[in-house]
Amino acid sequence: MPQMAPINWLILFIFFFLMYYLTMNLLYFNFIKNIKIKMLKKKMIKNYNKFI
């Protein structure tokens, strides 16, 4: 069974690292950040009504 060259391992590592990075970024910006923004908007509306 032939061994893989080190450059192949490097390319695979970089590829999987980039895929992981992109998926985590998409999950964060699509779900967690949107939920936080919605929560902040609700809090701001409540505070705004208190000042009136």
N, C-alpha and C. Protein backbone atom coordinates (compact mmCIF):
# COMPACT_ATOMS: atom_id res chain seq x y z
N MET A 1 0.85 -1.19 0.00
CA MET A 1 0.00 0.00 0.00
C MET A 1 0.89 1.25 0.00
N PRO A 2 0.73 2.11 -0.99
CA PRO A 2 1.61 3.29 -1.06
C PRO A 2 1.28 4.33 -0.01
N GLN A 3 2.31 4.96 0.48
CA GLN A 3 2.13 6.02 1.49
C GLN A 3 1.76 7.33 0.79
N MET A 4 0.98 8.14 1.50
CA MET A 4 0.64 9.46 0.96
C MET A 4 1.80 10.42 1.16
N ALA A 5 2.04 11.25 0.18
CA ALA A 5 3.10 12.26 0.29
C ALA A 5 2.68 13.32 1.30
N PRO A 6 3.63 13.95 1.99
CA PRO A 6 3.28 14.97 2.98
C PRO A 6 2.51 16.14 2.40
N ILE A 7 2.80 16.50 1.15
CA ILE A 7 2.08 17.63 0.54
C ILE A 7 0.60 17.29 0.38
N ASN A 8 0.28 16.03 0.13
CA ASN A 8 -1.13 15.65 0.04
C ASN A 8 -1.81 15.82 1.39
N TRP A 9 -1.14 15.45 2.46
CA TRP A 9 -1.73 15.64 3.79
C TRP A 9 -1.94 17.11 4.07
N LEU A 10 -0.98 17.93 3.65
CA LEU A 10 -1.11 19.38 3.86
C LEU A 10 -2.31 19.93 3.10
N ILE A 11 -2.46 19.52 1.85
CA ILE A 11 -3.58 19.99 1.04
C ILE A 11 -4.90 19.53 1.66
N LEU A 12 -4.98 18.28 2.07
CA LEU A 12 -6.20 17.78 2.70
C LEU A 12 -6.51 18.53 3.99
N PHE A 13 -5.51 18.76 4.81
CA PHE A 13 -5.71 19.47 6.06
C PHE A 13 -6.23 20.88 5.80
N ILE A 14 -5.60 21.59 4.86
CA ILE A 14 -6.04 22.95 4.54
C ILE A 14 -7.47 22.93 4.01
N PHE A 15 -7.78 21.97 3.14
CA PHE A 15 -9.13 21.88 2.57
C PHE A 15 -10.16 21.67 3.65
N PHE A 16 -9.95 20.69 4.54
CA PHE A 16 -10.93 20.41 5.58
C PHE A 16 -11.01 21.55 6.59
N PHE A 17 -9.89 22.18 6.88
CA PHE A 17 -9.91 23.33 7.79
C PHE A 17 -10.73 24.47 7.20
N LEU A 18 -10.55 24.74 5.91
CA LEU A 18 -11.33 25.81 5.27
C LEU A 18 -12.82 25.46 5.24
N MET A 19 -13.16 24.20 4.95
CA MET A 19 -14.57 23.80 4.95
C MET A 19 -15.17 23.98 6.34
N TYR A 20 -14.45 23.56 7.37
CA TYR A 20 -14.92 23.71 8.75
C TYR A 20 -15.11 25.18 9.08
N TYR A 21 -14.13 26.01 8.71
CA TYR A 21 -14.19 27.45 9.00
C TYR A 21 -15.40 28.08 8.32
N LEU A 22 -15.62 27.75 7.05
CA LEU A 22 -16.75 28.34 6.32
C LEU A 22 -18.09 27.89 6.91
N THR A 23 -18.22 26.61 7.23
CA THR A 23 -19.49 26.15 7.80
C THR A 23 -19.75 26.79 9.15
N MET A 24 -18.72 26.91 10.00
CA MET A 24 -18.93 27.53 11.31
C MET A 24 -19.31 29.01 11.14
N ASN A 25 -18.67 29.69 10.20
CA ASN A 25 -19.02 31.09 9.96
C ASN A 25 -20.46 31.22 9.48
N LEU A 26 -20.87 30.37 8.55
CA LEU A 26 -22.24 30.44 8.05
C LEU A 26 -23.24 30.16 9.17
N LEU A 27 -22.98 29.15 9.98
CA LEU A 27 -23.88 28.85 11.10
C LEU A 27 -23.95 30.03 12.05
N TYR A 28 -22.82 30.62 12.36
CA TYR A 28 -22.80 31.74 13.31
C TYR A 28 -23.58 32.93 12.76
N PHE A 29 -23.28 33.33 11.52
CA PHE A 29 -23.90 34.54 10.99
C PHE A 29 -25.36 34.33 10.66
N ASN A 30 -25.77 33.10 10.32
CA ASN A 30 -27.18 32.87 9.96
C ASN A 30 -28.06 32.65 11.16
N PHE A 31 -27.55 32.03 12.22
CA PHE A 31 -28.41 31.65 13.34
C PHE A 31 -28.10 32.44 14.61
N ILE A 32 -26.90 32.36 15.11
CA ILE A 32 -26.61 32.93 16.43
C ILE A 32 -26.69 34.45 16.37
N LYS A 33 -26.11 35.05 15.34
CA LYS A 33 -26.09 36.51 15.27
C LYS A 33 -27.49 37.06 15.05
N ASN A 34 -28.30 36.40 14.20
CA ASN A 34 -29.66 36.86 13.97
C ASN A 34 -30.49 36.78 15.24
N ILE A 35 -30.32 35.73 16.01
CA ILE A 35 -31.06 35.60 17.27
C ILE A 35 -30.65 36.71 18.23
N LYS A 36 -29.35 37.00 18.31
CA LYS A 36 -28.87 38.06 19.20
C LYS A 36 -29.43 39.41 18.76
N ILE A 37 -29.46 39.67 17.45
CA ILE A 37 -29.97 40.95 16.95
C ILE A 37 -31.46 41.07 17.28
N LYS A 38 -32.22 40.00 17.13
CA LYS A 38 -33.65 40.04 17.46
C LYS A 38 -33.86 40.32 18.94
N MET A 39 -33.04 39.68 19.79
CA MET A 39 -33.16 39.91 21.23
C MET A 39 -32.83 41.37 21.56
N LEU A 40 -31.78 41.90 20.92
CA LEU A 40 -31.39 43.29 21.18
C LEU A 40 -32.49 44.25 20.74
N LYS A 41 -33.13 43.98 19.62
CA LYS A 41 -34.20 44.86 19.14
C LYS A 41 -35.36 44.87 20.13
N LYS A 42 -35.72 43.70 20.65
CA LYS A 42 -36.80 43.63 21.63
C LYS A 42 -36.44 44.44 22.88
N LYS A 43 -35.20 44.29 23.35
CA LYS A 43 -34.77 45.04 24.54
C LYS A 43 -34.78 46.54 24.27
N MET A 44 -34.34 46.95 23.08
CA MET A 44 -34.31 48.37 22.76
C MET A 44 -35.72 48.94 22.71
N ILE A 45 -36.66 48.18 22.16
CA ILE A 45 -38.04 48.66 22.09
C ILE A 45 -38.58 48.83 23.51
N LYS A 46 -38.31 47.89 24.39
CA LYS A 46 -38.78 48.00 25.77
C LYS A 46 -38.18 49.24 26.45
N ASN A 47 -36.89 49.47 26.28
CA ASN A 47 -36.25 50.62 26.90
C ASN A 47 -36.80 51.92 26.32
N TYR A 48 -37.05 51.92 25.02
CA TYR A 48 -37.57 53.12 24.37
C TYR A 48 -38.97 53.47 24.93
N ASN A 49 -39.77 52.47 25.14
CA ASN A 49 -41.11 52.72 25.69
C ASN A 49 -41.03 53.22 27.13
N LYS A 50 -40.05 52.80 27.88
CA LYS A 50 -39.90 53.28 29.24
C LYS A 50 -39.58 54.77 29.25
N PHE A 51 -38.74 55.23 28.31
CA PHE A 51 -38.35 56.64 28.30
C PHE A 51 -39.52 57.54 27.91
N ILE A 52 -40.43 57.05 27.13
CA ILE A 52 -41.62 57.86 26.79
C ILE A 52 -42.48 58.00 28.04
